[in-house]
Amino acid sequence: MKTKWGSCNPNKGIVWLNAELAKKPEKMIDYVIVHELAHFVSSRHDELFTSVLDREMPSWRQLQRELNALPLAAWEAHD
């Protein structure tokens, strides 16, 4: 995965995580997992989706900002 931290296919019950995520703080890994699992409730980033995140991880917006400010892969930090 070169463009995102995680992905899922709710119809098949599959979640994929970017291997680079293992190098990030645990709270950010937790955020990505909760984010992807929320797609099992709503496939879009709609109000239902955000309500799941708000309920399960109230600090998700801050974690999302922190994670997205980091390079996706170690090699990107050197470009």
PDB file of N, CA and C in Angstrom:
ATOM      1  N   MET A   1       0.839  -1.179   0.000  1.00  0.00           N
ATOM      2  CA  MET A   1       0.000   0.000   0.000  1.00  0.00           C
ATOM      3  C   MET A   1       0.881   1.237   0.000  1.00  0.00           C
ATOM      4  N   LYS A   2       0.808   1.980  -1.050  1.00  0.00           N
ATOM      5  CA  LYS A   2       1.643   3.178  -1.156  1.00  0.00           C
ATOM      6  C   LYS A   2       0.860   4.459  -0.926  1.00  0.00           C
ATOM      7  N   THR A   3      -0.472   4.365  -0.848  1.00  0.00           N
ATOM      8  CA  THR A   3      -1.243   5.598  -0.773  1.00  0.00           C
ATOM      9  C   THR A   3      -2.156   5.704   0.442  1.00  0.00           C
ATOM     10  N   LYS A   4      -2.261   4.651   1.241  1.00  0.00           N
ATOM     11  CA  LYS A   4      -3.144   4.729   2.393  1.00  0.00           C
ATOM     12  C   LYS A   4      -2.684   3.822   3.521  1.00  0.00           C
ATOM     13  N   TRP A   5      -3.249   4.074   4.705  1.00  0.00           N
ATOM     14  CA  TRP A   5      -2.863   3.329   5.910  1.00  0.00           C
ATOM     15  C   TRP A   5      -3.610   2.021   6.030  1.00  0.00           C
ATOM     16  N   GLY A   6      -4.817   1.963   5.495  1.00  0.00           N
ATOM     17  CA  GLY A   6      -5.597   0.744   5.601  1.00  0.00           C
ATOM     18  C   GLY A   6      -6.699   0.730   4.573  1.00  0.00           C
ATOM     19  N   SER A   7      -7.300  -0.429   4.414  1.00  0.00           N
ATOM     20  CA  SER A   7      -8.392  -0.598   3.477  1.00  0.00           C
ATOM     21  C   SER A   7      -9.218  -1.787   3.957  1.00  0.00           C
ATOM     22  N   CYS A   8     -10.443  -1.872   3.465  1.00  0.00           N
ATOM     23  CA  CYS A   8     -11.242  -3.034   3.843  1.00  0.00           C
ATOM     24  C   CYS A   8     -12.254  -3.363   2.755  1.00  0.00           C
ATOM     25  N   ASN A   9     -12.721  -4.584   2.825  1.00  0.00           N
ATOM     26  CA  ASN A   9     -13.808  -5.047   1.977  1.00  0.00           C
ATOM     27  C   ASN A   9     -14.849  -5.659   2.912  1.00  0.00           C
ATOM     28  N   PRO A  10     -15.833  -4.849   3.326  1.00  0.00           N
ATOM     29  CA  PRO A  10     -16.832  -5.358   4.266  1.00  0.00           C
ATOM     30  C   PRO A  10     -17.606  -6.570   3.745  1.00  0.00           C
ATOM     31  N   ASN A  11     -17.827  -6.635   2.450  1.00  0.00           N
ATOM     32  CA  ASN A  11     -18.571  -7.767   1.893  1.00  0.00           C
ATOM     33  C   ASN A  11     -17.842  -9.089   2.087  1.00  0.00           C
ATOM     34  N   LYS A  12     -16.527  -9.044   2.075  1.00  0.00           N
ATOM     35  CA  LYS A  12     -15.721 -10.253   2.269  1.00  0.00           C
ATOM     36  C   LYS A  12     -15.187 -10.372   3.692  1.00  0.00           C
ATOM     37  N   GLY A  13     -15.411  -9.332   4.512  1.00  0.00           N
ATOM     38  CA  GLY A  13     -14.939  -9.363   5.892  1.00  0.00           C
ATOM     39  C   GLY A  13     -13.429  -9.278   6.007  1.00  0.00           C
ATOM     40  N   ILE A  14     -12.805  -8.503   5.108  1.00  0.00           N
ATOM     41  CA  ILE A  14     -11.347  -8.415   5.067  1.00  0.00           C
ATOM     42  C   ILE A  14     -10.901  -6.990   5.368  1.00  0.00           C
ATOM     43  N   VAL A  15      -9.867  -6.861   6.195  1.00  0.00           N
ATOM     44  CA  VAL A  15      -9.223  -5.578   6.466  1.00  0.00           C
ATOM     45  C   VAL A  15      -7.749  -5.727   6.122  1.00  0.00           C
ATOM     46  N   TRP A  16      -7.215  -4.771   5.372  1.00  0.00           N
ATOM     47  CA  TRP A  16      -5.795  -4.733   5.049  1.00  0.00           C
ATOM     48  C   TRP A  16      -5.174  -3.550   5.768  1.00  0.00           C
ATOM     49  N   LEU A  17      -3.972  -3.745   6.303  1.00  0.00           N
ATOM     50  CA  LEU A  17      -3.242  -2.660   6.944  1.00  0.00           C
ATOM     51  C   LEU A  17      -1.904  -2.489   6.257  1.00  0.00           C
ATOM     52  N   ASN A  18      -1.503  -1.251   6.065  1.00  0.00           N
ATOM     53  CA  ASN A  18      -0.205  -0.946   5.489  1.00  0.00           C
ATOM     54  C   ASN A  18       0.871  -1.415   6.472  1.00  0.00           C
ATOM     55  N   ALA A  19       1.848  -2.156   6.010  1.00  0.00           N
ATOM     56  CA  ALA A  19       2.911  -2.661   6.879  1.00  0.00           C
ATOM     57  C   ALA A  19       3.672  -1.531   7.565  1.00  0.00           C
ATOM     58  N   GLU A  20       3.736  -0.354   6.948  1.00  0.00           N
ATOM     59  CA  GLU A  20       4.418   0.795   7.542  1.00  0.00           C
ATOM     60  C   GLU A  20       3.719   1.268   8.822  1.00  0.00           C
ATOM     61  N   LEU A  21       2.462   0.916   8.970  1.00  0.00           N
ATOM     62  CA  LEU A  21       1.717   1.307  10.155  1.00  0.00           C
ATOM     63  C   LEU A  21       2.344   0.728  11.422  1.00  0.00           C
ATOM     64  N   ALA A  22       3.007  -0.401  11.307  1.00  0.00           N
ATOM     65  CA  ALA A  22       3.656  -1.039  12.462  1.00  0.00           C
ATOM     66  C   ALA A  22       4.739  -0.150  13.064  1.00  0.00           C
ATOM     67  N   LYS A  23       5.233   0.817  12.305  1.00  0.00           N
ATOM     68  CA  LYS A  23       6.280   1.723  12.780  1.00  0.00           C
ATOM     69  C   LYS A  23       5.716   2.967  13.461  1.00  0.00           C
ATOM     70  N   LYS A  24       4.397   3.065  13.501  1.00  0.00           N
ATOM     71  CA  LYS A  24       3.740   4.236  14.077  1.00  0.00           C
ATOM     72  C   LYS A  24       3.332   3.944  15.515  1.00  0.00           C
ATOM     73  N   PRO A  25       3.034   4.998  16.296  1.00  0.00           N
ATOM     74  CA  PRO A  25       2.581   4.787  17.676  1.00  0.00           C
ATOM     75  C   PRO A  25       1.318   3.918  17.730  1.00  0.00           C
ATOM     76  N   GLU A  26       1.204   3.136  18.794  1.00  0.00           N
ATOM     77  CA  GLU A  26       0.099   2.194  18.939  1.00  0.00           C
ATOM     78  C   GLU A  26      -1.275   2.866  18.838  1.00  0.00           C
ATOM     79  N   LYS A  27      -1.404   4.069  19.379  1.00  0.00           N
ATOM     80  CA  LYS A  27      -2.701   4.757  19.324  1.00  0.00           C
ATOM     81  C   LYS A  27      -3.117   5.043  17.878  1.00  0.00           C
ATOM     82  N   MET A  28      -2.146   5.234  16.992  1.00  0.00           N
ATOM     83  CA  MET A  28      -2.468   5.476  15.582  1.00  0.00           C
ATOM     84  C   MET A  28      -2.861   4.177  14.885  1.00  0.00           C
ATOM     85  N   ILE A  29      -2.226   3.092  15.276  1.00  0.00           N
ATOM     86  CA  ILE A  29      -2.607   1.774  14.745  1.00  0.00           C
ATOM     87  C   ILE A  29      -4.045   1.477  15.162  1.00  0.00           C
ATOM     88  N   ASP A  30      -4.342   1.737  16.439  1.00  0.00           N
ATOM     89  CA  ASP A  30      -5.704   1.524  16.932  1.00  0.00           C
ATOM     90  C   ASP A  30      -6.701   2.347  16.132  1.00  0.00           C
ATOM     91  N   TYR A  31      -6.348   3.603  15.845  1.00  0.00           N
ATOM     92  CA  TYR A  31      -7.248   4.465  15.076  1.00  0.00           C
ATOM     93  C   TYR A  31      -7.532   3.862  13.696  1.00  0.00           C
ATOM     94  N   VAL A  32      -6.512   3.419  13.004  1.00  0.00           N
ATOM     95  CA  VAL A  32      -6.712   2.869  11.655  1.00  0.00           C
ATOM     96  C   VAL A  32      -7.580   1.619  11.722  1.00  0.00           C
ATOM     97  N   ILE A  33      -7.362   0.784  12.713  1.00  0.00           N
ATOM     98  CA  ILE A  33      -8.177  -0.430  12.845  1.00  0.00           C
ATOM     99  C   ILE A  33      -9.634  -0.063  13.105  1.00  0.00           C
ATOM    100  N   VAL A  34      -9.880   0.858  14.030  1.00  0.00           N
ATOM    101  CA  VAL A  34     -11.260   1.278  14.314  1.00  0.00           C
ATOM    102  C   VAL A  34     -11.877   1.923  13.075  1.00  0.00           C
ATOM    103  N   HIS A  35     -11.091   2.739  12.354  1.00  0.00           N
ATOM    104  CA  HIS A  35     -11.572   3.369  11.126  1.00  0.00           C
ATOM    105  C   HIS A  35     -12.021   2.313  10.119  1.00  0.00           C
ATOM    106  N   GLU A  36     -11.180   1.329   9.895  1.00  0.00           N
ATOM    107  CA  GLU A  36     -11.538   0.299   8.908  1.00  0.00           C
ATOM    108  C   GLU A  36     -12.724  -0.526   9.376  1.00  0.00           C
ATOM    109  N   LEU A  37     -12.793  -0.862  10.659  1.00  0.00           N
ATOM    110  CA  LEU A  37     -13.931  -1.625  11.163  1.00  0.00           C
ATOM    111  C   LEU A  37     -15.219  -0.821  11.098  1.00  0.00           C
ATOM    112  N   ALA A  38     -15.130   0.496  11.220  1.00  0.00           N
ATOM    113  CA  ALA A  38     -16.325   1.343  11.096  1.00  0.00           C
ATOM    114  C   ALA A  38     -16.931   1.225   9.700  1.00  0.00           C
ATOM    115  N   HIS A  39     -16.114   0.867   8.718  1.00  0.00           N
ATOM    116  CA  HIS A  39     -16.637   0.672   7.362  1.00  0.00           C
ATOM    117  C   HIS A  39     -17.526  -0.567   7.270  1.00  0.00           C
ATOM    118  N   PHE A  40     -17.480  -1.426   8.264  1.00  0.00           N
ATOM    119  CA  PHE A  40     -18.391  -2.568   8.285  1.00  0.00           C
ATOM    120  C   PHE A  40     -19.806  -2.109   8.641  1.00  0.00           C
ATOM    121  N   VAL A  41     -19.913  -0.932   9.261  1.00  0.00           N
ATOM    122  CA  VAL A  41     -21.203  -0.332   9.592  1.00  0.00           C
ATOM    123  C   VAL A  41     -21.668   0.566   8.452  1.00  0.00           C
ATOM    124  N   SER A  42     -20.745   1.342   7.893  1.00  0.00           N
ATOM    125  CA  SER A  42     -21.048   2.217   6.757  1.00  0.00           C
ATOM    126  C   SER A  42     -19.848   2.242   5.823  1.00  0.00           C
ATOM    127  N   SER A  43     -20.072   1.964   4.575  1.00  0.00           N
ATOM    128  CA  SER A  43     -18.966   1.900   3.613  1.00  0.00           C
ATOM    129  C   SER A  43     -18.413   3.277   3.257  1.00  0.00           C
ATOM    130  N   ARG A  44     -19.196   4.324   3.524  1.00  0.00           N
ATOM    131  CA  ARG A  44     -18.765   5.687   3.195  1.00  0.00           C
ATOM    132  C   ARG A  44     -18.310   6.411   4.452  1.00  0.00           C
ATOM    133  N   HIS A  45     -17.723   7.588   4.265  1.00  0.00           N
ATOM    134  CA  HIS A  45     -17.349   8.441   5.391  1.00  0.00           C
ATOM    135  C   HIS A  45     -18.514   9.385   5.695  1.00  0.00           C
ATOM    136  N   ASP A  46     -19.646   8.811   6.035  1.00  0.00           N
ATOM    137  CA  ASP A  46     -20.858   9.583   6.261  1.00  0.00           C
ATOM    138  C   ASP A  46     -21.106   9.777   7.760  1.00  0.00           C
ATOM    139  N   GLU A  47     -22.267  10.301   8.088  1.00  0.00           N
ATOM    140  CA  GLU A  47     -22.605  10.586   9.490  1.00  0.00           C
ATOM    141  C   GLU A  47     -22.632   9.315  10.343  1.00  0.00           C
ATOM    142  N   LEU A  48     -23.136   8.235   9.800  1.00  0.00           N
ATOM    143  CA  LEU A  48     -23.156   6.973  10.539  1.00  0.00           C
ATOM    144  C   LEU A  48     -21.738   6.506  10.838  1.00  0.00           C
ATOM    145  N   PHE A  49     -20.880   6.590   9.841  1.00  0.00           N
ATOM    146  CA  PHE A  49     -19.476   6.210   9.990  1.00  0.00           C
ATOM    147  C   PHE A  49     -18.811   7.043  11.086  1.00  0.00           C
ATOM    148  N   THR A  50     -18.960   8.363  11.009  1.00  0.00           N
ATOM    149  CA  THR A  50     -18.307   9.218  12.008  1.00  0.00           C
ATOM    150  C   THR A  50     -18.920   9.024  13.393  1.00  0.00           C
ATOM    151  N   SER A  51     -20.194   8.664  13.469  1.00  0.00           N
ATOM    152  CA  SER A  51     -20.795   8.410  14.785  1.00  0.00           C
ATOM    153  C   SER A  51     -20.177   7.172  15.434  1.00  0.00           C
ATOM    154  N   VAL A  52     -19.834   6.188  14.624  1.00  0.00           N
ATOM    155  CA  VAL A  52     -19.148   4.998  15.156  1.00  0.00           C
ATOM    156  C   VAL A  52     -17.779   5.406  15.702  1.00  0.00           C
ATOM    157  N   LEU A  53     -17.035   6.184  14.934  1.00  0.00           N
ATOM    158  CA  LEU A  53     -15.718   6.633  15.395  1.00  0.00           C
ATOM    159  C   LEU A  53     -15.839   7.492  16.647  1.00  0.00           C
ATOM    160  N   ASP A  54     -16.801   8.403  16.670  1.00  0.00           N
ATOM    161  CA  ASP A  54     -16.996   9.258  17.847  1.00  0.00           C
ATOM    162  C   ASP A  54     -17.280   8.429  19.097  1.00  0.00           C
ATOM    163  N   ARG A  55     -18.084   7.401  18.945  1.00  0.00           N
ATOM    164  CA  ARG A  55     -18.450   6.555  20.086  1.00  0.00           C
ATOM    165  C   ARG A  55     -17.288   5.677  20.545  1.00  0.00           C
ATOM    166  N   GLU A  56     -16.590   5.067  19.605  1.00  0.00           N
ATOM    167  CA  GLU A  56     -15.552   4.089  19.944  1.00  0.00           C
ATOM    168  C   GLU A  56     -14.194   4.711  20.223  1.00  0.00           C
ATOM    169  N   MET A  57     -13.921   5.880  19.629  1.00  0.00           N
ATOM    170  CA  MET A  57     -12.618   6.515  19.786  1.00  0.00           C
ATOM    171  C   MET A  57     -12.800   8.030  19.689  1.00  0.00           C
ATOM    172  N   PRO A  58     -13.222   8.662  20.778  1.00  0.00           N
ATOM    173  CA  PRO A  58     -13.525  10.099  20.737  1.00  0.00           C
ATOM    174  C   PRO A  58     -12.378  10.980  20.238  1.00  0.00           C
ATOM    175  N   SER A  59     -11.147  10.552  20.387  1.00  0.00           N
ATOM    176  CA  SER A  59      -9.996  11.364  19.954  1.00  0.00           C
ATOM    177  C   SER A  59      -9.584  11.091  18.512  1.00  0.00           C
ATOM    178  N   TRP A  60     -10.432  10.427  17.732  1.00  0.00           N
ATOM    179  CA  TRP A  60     -10.035   9.992  16.396  1.00  0.00           C
ATOM    180  C   TRP A  60      -9.634  11.135  15.466  1.00  0.00           C
ATOM    181  N   ARG A  61     -10.268  12.286  15.575  1.00  0.00           N
ATOM    182  CA  ARG A  61      -9.940  13.395  14.663  1.00  0.00           C
ATOM    183  C   ARG A  61      -8.499  13.869  14.869  1.00  0.00           C
ATOM    184  N   GLN A  62      -8.088  13.989  16.119  1.00  0.00           N
ATOM    185  CA  GLN A  62      -6.716  14.401  16.414  1.00  0.00           C
ATOM    186  C   GLN A  62      -5.721  13.330  15.949  1.00  0.00           C
ATOM    187  N   LEU A  63      -6.030  12.070  16.217  1.00  0.00           N
ATOM    188  CA  LEU A  63      -5.157  10.981  15.781  1.00  0.00           C
ATOM    189  C   LEU A  63      -5.045  10.952  14.261  1.00  0.00           C
ATOM    190  N   GLN A  64      -6.148  11.187  13.577  1.00  0.00           N
ATOM    191  CA  GLN A  64      -6.135  11.213  12.115  1.00  0.00           C
ATOM    192  C   GLN A  64      -5.212  12.316  11.602  1.00  0.00           C
ATOM    193  N   ARG A  65      -5.322  13.507  12.204  1.00  0.00           N
ATOM    194  CA  ARG A  65      -4.452  14.618  11.788  1.00  0.00           C
ATOM    195  C   ARG A  65      -2.981  14.280  12.024  1.00  0.00           C
ATOM    196  N   GLU A  66      -2.676  13.736  13.198  1.00  0.00           N
ATOM    197  CA  GLU A  66      -1.283  13.387  13.519  1.00  0.00           C
ATOM    198  C   GLU A  66      -0.754  12.325  12.563  1.00  0.00           C
ATOM    199  N   LEU A  67      -1.537  11.302  12.309  1.00  0.00           N
ATOM    200  CA  LEU A  67      -1.097  10.216  11.430  1.00  0.00           C
ATOM    201  C   LEU A  67      -0.906  10.715  10.003  1.00  0.00           C
ATOM    202  N   ASN A  68      -1.836  11.503   9.513  1.00  0.00           N
ATOM    203  CA  ASN A  68      -1.738  11.986   8.134  1.00  0.00           C
ATOM    204  C   ASN A  68      -0.624  13.005   7.946  1.00  0.00           C
ATOM    205  N   ALA A  69      -0.120  13.575   9.037  1.00  0.00           N
ATOM    206  CA  ALA A  69       1.021  14.484   8.949  1.00  0.00           C
ATOM    207  C   ALA A  69       2.335  13.722   8.822  1.00  0.00           C
ATOM    208  N   LEU A  70       2.309  12.439   9.130  1.00  0.00           N
ATOM    209  CA  LEU A  70       3.522  11.612   9.038  1.00  0.00           C
ATOM    210  C   LEU A  70       3.679  11.059   7.629  1.00  0.00           C
ATOM    211  N   PRO A  71       4.912  10.767   7.222  1.00  0.00           N
ATOM    212  CA  PRO A  71       5.095  10.133   5.905  1.00  0.00           C
ATOM    213  C   PRO A  71       4.490   8.741   5.898  1.00  0.00           C
ATOM    214  N   LEU A  72       3.949   8.341   4.762  1.00  0.00           N
ATOM    215  CA  LEU A  72       3.333   7.020   4.629  1.00  0.00           C
ATOM    216  C   LEU A  72       4.377   5.921   4.763  1.00  0.00           C
ATOM    217  N   ALA A  73       5.560   6.153   4.243  1.00  0.00           N
ATOM    218  CA  ALA A  73       6.623   5.155   4.314  1.00  0.00           C
ATOM    219  C   ALA A  73       7.920   5.840   4.700  1.00  0.00           C
ATOM    220  N   ALA A  74       8.821   5.076   5.285  1.00  0.00           N
ATOM    221  CA  ALA A  74      10.099   5.629   5.733  1.00  0.00           C
ATOM    222  C   ALA A  74      10.850   6.292   4.592  1.00  0.00           C
ATOM    223  N   TRP A  75      10.765   5.737   3.385  1.00  0.00           N
ATOM    224  CA  TRP A  75      11.505   6.309   2.250  1.00  0.00           C
ATOM    225  C   TRP A  75      10.969   7.672   1.846  1.00  0.00           C
ATOM    226  N   GLU A  76       9.699   7.973   2.161  1.00  0.00           N
ATOM    227  CA  GLU A  76       9.135   9.276   1.824  1.00  0.00           C
ATOM    228  C   GLU A  76       9.754  10.379   2.660  1.00  0.00           C
ATOM    229  N   ALA A  77      10.226  10.050   3.842  1.00  0.00           N
ATOM    230  CA  ALA A  77      10.801  11.051   4.729  1.00  0.00           C
ATOM    231  C   ALA A  77      12.119  11.599   4.188  1.00  0.00           C
ATOM    232  N   HIS A  78      12.725  10.877   3.257  1.00  0.00           N
ATOM    233  CA  HIS A  78      14.029  11.280   2.717  1.00  0.00           C
ATOM    234  C   HIS A  78      13.945  11.931   1.348  1.00  0.00           C
ATOM    235  N   ASP A  79      12.734  12.038   0.790  1.00  0.00           N
ATOM    236  CA  ASP A  79      12.582  12.654  -0.541  1.00  0.00           C
ATOM    237  C   ASP A  79      12.788  14.139  -0.512  1.00  0.00           C
TER     238      ASP A  79
END
